[in-house]
Amino acid sequence: VVEAVAPQRDRLKAAVIFPSMPEVMRLNKLGTFSMAQLGQSKSAIASFMKKRKEANGAGFQDAMLKLLNTLPTVLKYLPVEKAQDARSFMLSFQYWLGGTPDNLRNFLLMLADKYVFPRGDSQRPAVEVAEPQVFPDLGIWHPLAPSMFEDLKEYLNWTASRTDLSDKARRGPVIGLVLQRSHIVTGDEAHYVAVIQEMEYRGATVIPVFCGGLDFTKPVNAFFYDPLNPQLPIVDGVVSLTGFALVGGPARQDHPKAVEVLKSLNRPYMVALPLVFQTTQEWE
């Protein structure tokens, strides 16, 4: 990527690269905003990113999500052109994380409107660009629910009110499902829907949880315990459909933390997609 883009970077009107290796991230530029000095800068944000990344991969992801959710709002009130270009970059990240067709459409419209074909003194019509549609970083999702849930009690109340759920499922085991947020917000969730439908048909109640980062112990701790008795697990078993470790991604995992959380939960835990990062021989 660097070999292909670097020679052309100066003539490009916009270059937007999302989290990658530092040498690739240095190609980023939007107006006066540039990441060419990434890794060499002593700015507060650069120091923050370096420290969080050194701590652990999952923590870095979570910290970046928090930064993305707050920084554009702050930068909006700064008149400095450089701050506005930095805000555009952070908004680009939010559009991309949202992942819906509308978010991606508005992402491209924003870049075109501000950097590729800026209106300036031209007579072209103004372009309507909507703000990014933001989804919860942590929550419960069910394909039949009207919206995502950020509170376990609300989800349990909704489940109790369902008329389509059989008595067999209401009396059956409660299965916690660990899902990836990206599949949900992009609409690439047919496999999740199929698993949920099959489990409910076979007589189980499900609590499908997700998070925006790579530390899936957060939704496990938040939603798999009785809200009236936080020490008592409400699930009878847990199935992960993420294809990732419980804490961390393909580059780095925090196995001790995952073991600690699962020991505390003390329920059967199954990874349904062990071959995503393993060969058959390694799995056996």
C-alpha atoms as a PDB file:
ATOM      1  CA  VAL A   1       0.000   0.000   0.000  1.00  0.00           C
ATOM      2  CA  VAL A   2       2.761   2.452   0.945  1.00  0.00           C
ATOM      3  CA  GLU A   3       4.692   1.785  -2.266  1.00  0.00           C
ATOM      4  CA  ALA A   4       1.575   2.404  -4.353  1.00  0.00           C
ATOM      5  CA  VAL A   5       0.138   5.447  -2.550  1.00  0.00           C
ATOM      6  CA  ALA A   6       3.175   7.341  -1.199  1.00  0.00           C
ATOM      7  CA  PRO A   7       4.423   8.583  -4.612  1.00  0.00           C
ATOM      8  CA  GLN A   8       0.919   9.913  -5.403  1.00  0.00           C
ATOM      9  CA  ARG A   9       0.051  11.303  -1.948  1.00  0.00           C
ATOM     10  CA  ASP A  10       0.989  14.936  -2.594  1.00  0.00           C
ATOM     11  CA  ARG A  11      -1.308  15.231  -5.594  1.00  0.00           C
ATOM     12  CA  LEU A  12      -4.254  13.514  -3.899  1.00  0.00           C
ATOM     13  CA  LYS A  13      -7.003  15.811  -2.630  1.00  0.00           C
ATOM     14  CA  ALA A  14      -7.780  13.417   0.217  1.00  0.00           C
ATOM     15  CA  ALA A  15      -6.228  10.269   1.640  1.00  0.00           C
ATOM     16  CA  VAL A  16      -8.101   8.487   4.416  1.00  0.00           C
ATOM     17  CA  ILE A  17      -6.722   5.327   5.989  1.00  0.00           C
ATOM     18  CA  PHE A  18      -8.296   3.716   9.019  1.00  0.00           C
ATOM     19  CA  PRO A  19      -6.371   1.836  11.755  1.00  0.00           C
ATOM     20  CA  SER A  20      -3.432   0.064  10.196  1.00  0.00           C
ATOM     21  CA  MET A  21       0.336  -0.143  10.549  1.00  0.00           C
ATOM     22  CA  PRO A  22       2.008   3.215  11.402  1.00  0.00           C
ATOM     23  CA  GLU A  23       3.716   3.496   8.014  1.00  0.00           C
ATOM     24  CA  VAL A  24       0.315   3.187   6.318  1.00  0.00           C
ATOM     25  CA  MET A  25      -1.416   5.569   8.743  1.00  0.00           C
ATOM     26  CA  ARG A  26       1.180   8.243   7.898  1.00  0.00           C
ATOM     27  CA  LEU A  27      -0.414   8.525   4.453  1.00  0.00           C
ATOM     28  CA  ASN A  28      -3.520  10.155   5.959  1.00  0.00           C
ATOM     29  CA  LYS A  29      -4.268  13.721   4.906  1.00  0.00           C
ATOM     30  CA  LEU A  30      -7.358  15.915   4.763  1.00  0.00           C
ATOM     31  CA  GLY A  31      -6.742  19.577   3.973  1.00  0.00           C
ATOM     32  CA  THR A  32      -4.285  20.829   6.605  1.00  0.00           C
ATOM     33  CA  PHE A  33      -4.627  17.628   8.642  1.00  0.00           C
ATOM     34  CA  SER A  34      -1.802  15.148   8.160  1.00  0.00           C
ATOM     35  CA  MET A  35      -0.447  12.084   9.917  1.00  0.00           C
ATOM     36  CA  ALA A  36       2.930  12.232   8.194  1.00  0.00           C
ATOM     37  CA  GLN A  37       4.618  12.739  11.585  1.00  0.00           C
ATOM     38  CA  LEU A  38       2.776   9.871  13.300  1.00  0.00           C
ATOM     39  CA  GLY A  39       5.113   8.252  15.813  1.00  0.00           C
ATOM     40  CA  GLN A  40       7.401  11.295  15.872  1.00  0.00           C
ATOM     41  CA  SER A  41       4.947  13.845  17.268  1.00  0.00           C
ATOM     42  CA  LYS A  42       4.913  14.729  20.963  1.00  0.00           C
ATOM     43  CA  SER A  43       1.306  15.890  20.955  1.00  0.00           C
ATOM     44  CA  ALA A  44      -1.066  14.827  23.726  1.00  0.00           C
ATOM     45  CA  ILE A  45      -3.145  12.728  21.336  1.00  0.00           C
ATOM     46  CA  ALA A  46      -0.062  10.986  19.925  1.00  0.00           C
ATOM     47  CA  SER A  47       1.193  10.184  23.430  1.00  0.00           C
ATOM     48  CA  PHE A  48      -2.263   8.952  24.436  1.00  0.00           C
ATOM     49  CA  MET A  49      -2.465   6.614  21.429  1.00  0.00           C
ATOM     50  CA  LYS A  50       1.041   5.267  22.012  1.00  0.00           C
ATOM     51  CA  LYS A  51       0.468   4.534  25.710  1.00  0.00           C
ATOM     52  CA  ARG A  52      -2.897   2.871  25.129  1.00  0.00           C
ATOM     53  CA  LYS A  53      -1.561   0.726  22.304  1.00  0.00           C
ATOM     54  CA  GLU A  54       1.376  -0.408  24.425  1.00  0.00           C
ATOM     55  CA  ALA A  55      -1.024  -1.363  27.231  1.00  0.00           C
ATOM     56  CA  ASN A  56      -3.021  -3.912  25.233  1.00  0.00           C
ATOM     57  CA  GLY A  57      -4.828  -4.236  21.930  1.00  0.00           C
ATOM     58  CA  ALA A  58      -8.363  -4.406  23.328  1.00  0.00           C
ATOM     59  CA  GLY A  59      -7.819  -1.436  25.656  1.00  0.00           C
ATOM     60  CA  PHE A  60      -6.460   0.597  22.757  1.00  0.00           C
ATOM     61  CA  GLN A  61      -9.560  -0.167  20.685  1.00  0.00           C
ATOM     62  CA  ASP A  62     -11.890   0.859  23.521  1.00  0.00           C
ATOM     63  CA  ALA A  63      -9.940   4.056  24.184  1.00  0.00           C
ATOM     64  CA  MET A  64     -10.053   4.973  20.496  1.00  0.00           C
ATOM     65  CA  LEU A  65     -13.828   4.471  20.442  1.00  0.00           C
ATOM     66  CA  LYS A  66     -14.239   6.827  23.401  1.00  0.00           C
ATOM     67  CA  LEU A  67     -11.988   9.385  21.716  1.00  0.00           C
ATOM     68  CA  LEU A  68     -13.966   9.129  18.482  1.00  0.00           C
ATOM     69  CA  ASN A  69     -17.265   9.655  20.276  1.00  0.00           C
ATOM     70  CA  THR A  70     -16.158  12.847  22.023  1.00  0.00           C
ATOM     71  CA  LEU A  71     -13.454  14.597  19.995  1.00  0.00           C
ATOM     72  CA  PRO A  72     -15.547  15.645  16.935  1.00  0.00           C
ATOM     73  CA  THR A  73     -18.000  17.451  19.224  1.00  0.00           C
ATOM     74  CA  VAL A  74     -15.181  19.403  20.867  1.00  0.00           C
ATOM     75  CA  LEU A  75     -13.371  20.226  17.621  1.00  0.00           C
ATOM     76  CA  LYS A  76     -16.593  21.542  16.080  1.00  0.00           C
ATOM     77  CA  TYR A  77     -16.365  24.661  18.245  1.00  0.00           C
ATOM     78  CA  LEU A  78     -12.775  25.473  17.313  1.00  0.00           C
ATOM     79  CA  PRO A  79     -12.541  27.930  14.394  1.00  0.00           C
ATOM     80  CA  VAL A  80      -9.018  26.944  13.422  1.00  0.00           C
ATOM     81  CA  GLU A  81      -8.968  25.344   9.969  1.00  0.00           C
ATOM     82  CA  LYS A  82      -6.609  22.620  11.122  1.00  0.00           C
ATOM     83  CA  ALA A  83      -9.005  21.650  13.919  1.00  0.00           C
ATOM     84  CA  GLN A  84     -11.870  21.411  11.437  1.00  0.00           C
ATOM     85  CA  ASP A  85      -9.832  19.171   9.146  1.00  0.00           C
ATOM     86  CA  ALA A  86      -8.960  16.981  12.140  1.00  0.00           C
ATOM     87  CA  ARG A  87     -12.673  16.838  12.951  1.00  0.00           C
ATOM     88  CA  SER A  88     -13.393  15.733   9.379  1.00  0.00           C
ATOM     89  CA  PHE A  89     -10.927  12.880   9.798  1.00  0.00           C
ATOM     90  CA  MET A  90     -12.517  11.781  13.078  1.00  0.00           C
ATOM     91  CA  LEU A  91     -15.979  12.015  11.515  1.00  0.00           C
ATOM     92  CA  SER A  92     -14.719   9.846   8.647  1.00  0.00           C
ATOM     93  CA  PHE A  93     -13.770   7.237  11.228  1.00  0.00           C
ATOM     94  CA  GLN A  94     -17.244   7.437  12.801  1.00  0.00           C
ATOM     95  CA  TYR A  95     -18.928   6.985   9.412  1.00  0.00           C
ATOM     96  CA  TRP A  96     -16.737   3.960   8.744  1.00  0.00           C
ATOM     97  CA  LEU A  97     -17.364   2.413  12.171  1.00  0.00           C
ATOM     98  CA  GLY A  98     -21.121   2.895  11.691  1.00  0.00           C
ATOM     99  CA  GLY A  99     -20.836   0.933   8.466  1.00  0.00           C
ATOM    100  CA  THR A 100     -24.442   1.363   7.283  1.00  0.00           C
ATOM    101  CA  PRO A 101     -25.092   2.264   3.626  1.00  0.00           C
ATOM    102  CA  ASP A 102     -26.230   5.750   4.719  1.00  0.00           C
ATOM    103  CA  ASN A 103     -23.096   6.262   6.815  1.00  0.00           C
ATOM    104  CA  LEU A 104     -20.818   5.210   3.956  1.00  0.00           C
ATOM    105  CA  ARG A 105     -22.754   7.397   1.504  1.00  0.00           C
ATOM    106  CA  ASN A 106     -22.445  10.452   3.760  1.00  0.00           C
ATOM    107  CA  PHE A 107     -18.777   9.650   4.356  1.00  0.00           C
ATOM    108  CA  LEU A 108     -18.054   9.881   0.620  1.00  0.00           C
ATOM    109  CA  LEU A 109     -20.284  12.948   0.230  1.00  0.00           C
ATOM    110  CA  MET A 110     -18.426  14.750   3.027  1.00  0.00           C
ATOM    111  CA  LEU A 111     -15.029  14.065   1.455  1.00  0.00           C
ATOM    112  CA  ALA A 112     -16.247  15.130  -1.980  1.00  0.00           C
ATOM    113  CA  ASP A 113     -17.959  18.269  -0.673  1.00  0.00           C
ATOM    114  CA  LYS A 114     -15.056  19.512   1.451  1.00  0.00           C
ATOM    115  CA  TYR A 115     -11.941  18.261  -0.312  1.00  0.00           C
ATOM    116  CA  VAL A 116     -12.472  16.744  -3.760  1.00  0.00           C
ATOM    117  CA  PHE A 117     -14.977  19.214  -5.250  1.00  0.00           C
ATOM    118  CA  PRO A 118     -15.175  22.059  -2.700  1.00  0.00           C
ATOM    119  CA  ARG A 119     -17.960  24.477  -3.416  1.00  0.00           C
ATOM    120  CA  GLY A 120     -15.941  27.660  -2.941  1.00  0.00           C
ATOM    121  CA  ASP A 121     -17.117  30.343  -5.357  1.00  0.00           C
ATOM    122  CA  SER A 122     -18.633  27.847  -7.781  1.00  0.00           C
ATOM    123  CA  GLN A 123     -22.329  27.776  -8.498  1.00  0.00           C
ATOM    124  CA  ARG A 124     -22.817  24.097  -7.829  1.00  0.00           C
ATOM    125  CA  PRO A 125     -25.709  23.195  -5.505  1.00  0.00           C
ATOM    126  CA  ALA A 126     -24.969  22.688  -1.826  1.00  0.00           C
ATOM    127  CA  VAL A 127     -24.646  19.067  -0.727  1.00  0.00           C
ATOM    128  CA  GLU A 128     -26.642  17.799   2.232  1.00  0.00           C
ATOM    129  CA  VAL A 129     -24.387  15.664   4.423  1.00  0.00           C
ATOM    130  CA  ALA A 130     -25.926  14.010   7.478  1.00  0.00           C
ATOM    131  CA  GLU A 131     -23.980  13.484  10.692  1.00  0.00           C
ATOM    132  CA  PRO A 132     -22.779   9.910  11.343  1.00  0.00           C
ATOM    133  CA  GLN A 133     -25.395   7.528  12.676  1.00  0.00           C
ATOM    134  CA  VAL A 134     -23.842   6.331  15.926  1.00  0.00           C
ATOM    135  CA  PHE A 135     -24.631   2.993  17.549  1.00  0.00           C
ATOM    136  CA  PRO A 136     -24.036   1.872  21.152  1.00  0.00           C
ATOM    137  CA  ASP A 137     -20.561   0.535  21.833  1.00  0.00           C
ATOM    138  CA  LEU A 138     -22.010  -2.004  24.258  1.00  0.00           C
ATOM    139  CA  GLY A 139     -25.442  -3.581  24.202  1.00  0.00           C
ATOM    140  CA  ILE A 140     -27.895  -6.373  23.448  1.00  0.00           C
ATOM    141  CA  TRP A 141     -29.265  -6.985  19.958  1.00  0.00           C
ATOM    142  CA  HIS A 142     -32.111  -9.204  18.800  1.00  0.00           C
ATOM    143  CA  PRO A 143     -33.334  -9.292  15.177  1.00  0.00           C
ATOM    144  CA  LEU A 144     -36.986  -8.966  16.254  1.00  0.00           C
ATOM    145  CA  ALA A 145     -36.432  -6.113  18.713  1.00  0.00           C
ATOM    146  CA  PRO A 146     -37.299  -2.547  17.650  1.00  0.00           C
ATOM    147  CA  SER A 147     -33.864  -1.286  18.703  1.00  0.00           C
ATOM    148  CA  MET A 148     -30.669  -2.217  20.512  1.00  0.00           C
ATOM    149  CA  PHE A 149     -30.775  -2.456  24.291  1.00  0.00           C
ATOM    150  CA  GLU A 150     -28.230  -0.902  26.627  1.00  0.00           C
ATOM    151  CA  ASP A 151     -30.004  -2.126  29.762  1.00  0.00           C
ATOM    152  CA  LEU A 152     -30.485  -5.811  30.651  1.00  0.00           C
ATOM    153  CA  LYS A 153     -33.757  -5.217  32.513  1.00  0.00           C
ATOM    154  CA  GLU A 154     -35.282  -3.574  29.440  1.00  0.00           C
ATOM    155  CA  TYR A 155     -34.243  -6.519  27.282  1.00  0.00           C
ATOM    156  CA  LEU A 156     -35.664  -9.047  29.758  1.00  0.00           C
ATOM    157  CA  ASN A 157     -38.939  -7.087  29.922  1.00  0.00           C
ATOM    158  CA  TRP A 158     -39.123  -7.048  26.122  1.00  0.00           C
ATOM    159  CA  THR A 159     -38.443 -10.799  26.011  1.00  0.00           C
ATOM    160  CA  ALA A 160     -41.192 -11.442  28.577  1.00  0.00           C
ATOM    161  CA  SER A 161     -43.657  -9.466  26.436  1.00  0.00           C
ATOM    162  CA  ARG A 162     -43.004 -11.464  23.257  1.00  0.00           C
ATOM    163  CA  THR A 163     -45.991 -13.429  21.993  1.00  0.00           C
ATOM    164  CA  ASP A 164     -43.964 -15.460  19.487  1.00  0.00           C
ATOM    165  CA  LEU A 165     -41.705 -17.111  22.088  1.00  0.00           C
ATOM    166  CA  SER A 166     -42.859 -20.623  22.975  1.00  0.00           C
ATOM    167  CA  ASP A 167     -43.472 -21.836  26.526  1.00  0.00           C
ATOM    168  CA  LYS A 168     -40.748 -24.391  25.889  1.00  0.00           C
ATOM    169  CA  ALA A 169     -38.232 -21.601  25.226  1.00  0.00           C
ATOM    170  CA  ARG A 170     -39.376 -19.639  28.285  1.00  0.00           C
ATOM    171  CA  ARG A 171     -38.772 -22.693  30.485  1.00  0.00           C
ATOM    172  CA  GLY A 172     -35.600 -23.726  28.691  1.00  0.00           C
ATOM    173  CA  PRO A 173     -31.959 -22.743  29.192  1.00  0.00           C
ATOM    174  CA  VAL A 174     -30.743 -19.171  28.778  1.00  0.00           C
ATOM    175  CA  ILE A 175     -27.884 -18.963  26.277  1.00  0.00           C
ATOM    176  CA  GLY A 176     -25.603 -15.951  26.098  1.00  0.00           C
ATOM    177  CA  LEU A 177     -24.393 -15.188  22.573  1.00  0.00           C
ATOM    178  CA  VAL A 178     -21.305 -13.038  21.972  1.00  0.00           C
ATOM    179  CA  LEU A 179     -21.543 -11.135  18.673  1.00  0.00           C
ATOM    180  CA  GLN A 180     -19.478  -8.650  16.696  1.00  0.00           C
ATOM    181  CA  ARG A 181     -20.967  -5.168  16.484  1.00  0.00           C
ATOM    182  CA  SER A 182     -19.632  -4.633  12.950  1.00  0.00           C
ATOM    183  CA  HIS A 183     -21.757  -7.479  11.541  1.00  0.00           C
ATOM    184  CA  ILE A 184     -24.869  -6.017  13.159  1.00  0.00           C
ATOM    185  CA  VAL A 185     -24.524  -2.385  12.058  1.00  0.00           C
ATOM    186  CA  THR A 186     -23.573  -3.303   8.480  1.00  0.00           C
ATOM    187  CA  GLY A 187     -26.524  -5.673   8.084  1.00  0.00           C
ATOM    188  CA  ASP A 188     -24.225  -8.673   7.606  1.00  0.00           C
ATOM    189  CA  GLU A 189     -26.016 -10.581  10.357  1.00  0.00           C
ATOM    190  CA  ALA A 190     -27.848 -13.413   8.574  1.00  0.00           C
ATOM    191  CA  HIS A 191     -25.743 -16.027  10.394  1.00  0.00           C
ATOM    192  CA  TYR A 192     -26.581 -14.410  13.746  1.00  0.00           C
ATOM    193  CA  VAL A 193     -30.294 -14.387  12.896  1.00  0.00           C
ATOM    194  CA  ALA A 194     -30.164 -18.062  11.902  1.00  0.00           C
ATOM    195  CA  VAL A 195     -28.462 -19.119  15.154  1.00  0.00           C
ATOM    196  CA  ILE A 196     -30.898 -17.106  17.298  1.00  0.00           C
ATOM    197  CA  GLN A 197     -33.937 -18.495  15.467  1.00  0.00           C
ATOM    198  CA  GLU A 198     -32.665 -22.063  15.711  1.00  0.00           C
ATOM    199  CA  MET A 199     -31.899 -21.811  19.428  1.00  0.00           C
ATOM    200  CA  GLU A 200     -35.305 -20.330  20.222  1.00  0.00           C
ATOM    201  CA  TYR A 201     -37.011 -22.961  18.062  1.00  0.00           C
ATOM    202  CA  ARG A 202     -35.182 -25.701  19.960  1.00  0.00           C
ATOM    203  CA  GLY A 203     -36.357 -24.317  23.302  1.00  0.00           C
ATOM    204  CA  ALA A 204     -33.840 -21.765  24.574  1.00  0.00           C
ATOM    205  CA  THR A 205     -33.957 -18.094  25.466  1.00  0.00           C
ATOM    206  CA  VAL A 206     -31.038 -16.044  24.153  1.00  0.00           C
ATOM    207  CA  ILE A 207     -29.209 -12.916  25.290  1.00  0.00           C
ATOM    208  CA  PRO A 208     -27.174 -11.782  22.236  1.00  0.00           C
ATOM    209  CA  VAL A 209     -24.584  -9.211  23.351  1.00  0.00           C
ATOM    210  CA  PHE A 210     -22.031  -7.133  21.448  1.00  0.00           C
ATOM    211  CA  CYS A 211     -19.360  -4.481  21.926  1.00  0.00           C
ATOM    212  CA  GLY A 212     -17.550  -2.061  19.648  1.00  0.00           C
ATOM    213  CA  GLY A 213     -14.020  -2.979  20.705  1.00  0.00           C
ATOM    214  CA  LEU A 214     -12.265  -6.306  21.064  1.00  0.00           C
ATOM    215  CA  ASP A 215     -12.751  -6.816  24.804  1.00  0.00           C
ATOM    216  CA  PHE A 216     -15.827  -9.031  24.868  1.00  0.00           C
ATOM    217  CA  THR A 217     -15.559  -9.520  28.634  1.00  0.00           C
ATOM    218  CA  LYS A 218     -17.323  -6.158  28.979  1.00  0.00           C
ATOM    219  CA  PRO A 219     -20.708  -7.335  27.627  1.00  0.00           C
ATOM    220  CA  VAL A 220     -20.232 -10.669  29.416  1.00  0.00           C
ATOM    221  CA  ASN A 221     -19.891  -8.864  32.755  1.00  0.00           C
ATOM    222  CA  ALA A 222     -22.599  -6.322  31.930  1.00  0.00           C
ATOM    223  CA  PHE A 223     -25.358  -8.607  30.653  1.00  0.00           C
ATOM    224  CA  PHE A 224     -24.798 -12.215  31.742  1.00  0.00           C
ATOM    225  CA  TYR A 225     -25.483 -11.657  35.458  1.00  0.00           C
ATOM    226  CA  ASP A 226     -28.797 -11.211  37.265  1.00  0.00           C
ATOM    227  CA  PRO A 227     -29.486  -7.442  37.493  1.00  0.00           C
ATOM    228  CA  LEU A 228     -30.939  -7.958  40.998  1.00  0.00           C
ATOM    229  CA  ASN A 229     -28.062 -10.164  42.150  1.00  0.00           C
ATOM    230  CA  PRO A 230     -24.837  -9.183  40.324  1.00  0.00           C
ATOM    231  CA  GLN A 231     -22.996 -12.230  41.673  1.00  0.00           C
ATOM    232  CA  LEU A 232     -25.460 -14.704  40.123  1.00  0.00           C
ATOM    233  CA  PRO A 233     -25.048 -15.630  36.432  1.00  0.00           C
ATOM    234  CA  ILE A 234     -28.315 -15.448  34.509  1.00  0.00           C
ATOM    235  CA  VAL A 235     -27.070 -17.588  31.607  1.00  0.00           C
ATOM    236  CA  ASP A 236     -26.711 -21.370  31.524  1.00  0.00           C
ATOM    237  CA  GLY A 237     -24.075 -21.327  28.804  1.00  0.00           C
ATOM    238  CA  VAL A 238     -22.224 -18.965  26.452  1.00  0.00           C
ATOM    239  CA  VAL A 239     -21.505 -19.299  22.737  1.00  0.00           C
ATOM    240  CA  SER A 240     -19.122 -16.937  20.952  1.00  0.00           C
ATOM    241  CA  LEU A 241     -19.851 -16.275  17.284  1.00  0.00           C
ATOM    242  CA  THR A 242     -17.141 -13.634  16.826  1.00  0.00           C
ATOM    243  CA  GLY A 243     -14.279 -15.782  15.567  1.00  0.00           C
ATOM    244  CA  PHE A 244     -11.986 -13.784  17.880  1.00  0.00           C
ATOM    245  CA  ALA A 245     -10.548 -14.445  21.307  1.00  0.00           C
ATOM    246  CA  LEU A 246     -12.678 -13.228  24.210  1.00  0.00           C
ATOM    247  CA  VAL A 247     -10.161 -10.414  24.756  1.00  0.00           C
ATOM    248  CA  GLY A 248      -8.199  -9.037  21.815  1.00  0.00           C
ATOM    249  CA  GLY A 249      -7.894  -9.646  18.095  1.00  0.00           C
ATOM    250  CA  PRO A 250      -5.617 -11.655  15.812  1.00  0.00           C
ATOM    251  CA  ALA A 251      -2.540  -9.571  16.707  1.00  0.00           C
ATOM    252  CA  ARG A 252      -2.744  -9.682  20.503  1.00  0.00           C
ATOM    253  CA  GLN A 253      -4.918 -11.381  23.112  1.00  0.00           C
ATOM    254  CA  ASP A 254      -5.227 -11.146  26.885  1.00  0.00           C
ATOM    255  CA  HIS A 255      -5.802 -14.779  27.815  1.00  0.00           C
ATOM    256  CA  PRO A 256      -5.376 -14.319  31.614  1.00  0.00           C
ATOM    257  CA  LYS A 257      -8.185 -11.747  31.681  1.00  0.00           C
ATOM    258  CA  ALA A 258     -10.438 -14.003  29.605  1.00  0.00           C
ATOM    259  CA  VAL A 259      -9.752 -16.968  31.897  1.00  0.00           C
ATOM    260  CA  GLU A 260     -10.476 -14.870  34.994  1.00  0.00           C
ATOM    261  CA  VAL A 261     -13.833 -13.656  33.631  1.00  0.00           C
ATOM    262  CA  LEU A 262     -14.919 -17.115  32.456  1.00  0.00           C
ATOM    263  CA  LYS A 263     -13.928 -18.706  35.779  1.00  0.00           C
ATOM    264  CA  SER A 264     -16.008 -16.122  37.601  1.00  0.00           C
ATOM    265  CA  LEU A 265     -18.971 -16.763  35.297  1.00  0.00           C
ATOM    266  CA  ASN A 266     -18.482 -20.530  35.731  1.00  0.00           C
ATOM    267  CA  ARG A 267     -20.662 -21.563  32.807  1.00  0.00           C
ATOM    268  CA  PRO A 268     -19.891 -23.681  29.711  1.00  0.00           C
ATOM    269  CA  TYR A 269     -18.220 -21.551  27.019  1.00  0.00           C
ATOM    270  CA  MET A 270     -18.094 -22.569  23.358  1.00  0.00           C
ATOM    271  CA  VAL A 271     -16.351 -20.857  20.455  1.00  0.00           C
ATOM    272  CA  ALA A 272     -18.445 -21.703  17.406  1.00  0.00           C
ATOM    273  CA  LEU A 273     -15.836 -20.548  14.872  1.00  0.00           C
ATOM    274  CA  PRO A 274     -12.499 -21.970  16.048  1.00  0.00           C
ATOM    275  CA  LEU A 275     -11.198 -22.421  12.515  1.00  0.00           C
ATOM    276  CA  VAL A 276     -11.241 -18.712  11.662  1.00  0.00           C
ATOM    277  CA  PHE A 277      -7.667 -18.363  12.947  1.00  0.00           C
ATOM    278  CA  GLN A 278      -6.697 -22.030  13.197  1.00  0.00           C
ATOM    279  CA  THR A 279      -6.031 -24.880  10.846  1.00  0.00           C
ATOM    280  CA  THR A 280      -7.979 -28.096  11.372  1.00  0.00           C
ATOM    281  CA  GLN A 281      -4.789 -29.729  12.683  1.00  0.00           C
ATOM    282  CA  GLU A 282      -4.227 -26.963  15.265  1.00  0.00           C
ATOM    283  CA  TRP A 283      -7.839 -27.209  16.416  1.00  0.00           C
ATOM    284  CA  GLU A 284      -7.572 -30.994  16.832  1.00  0.00           C
END
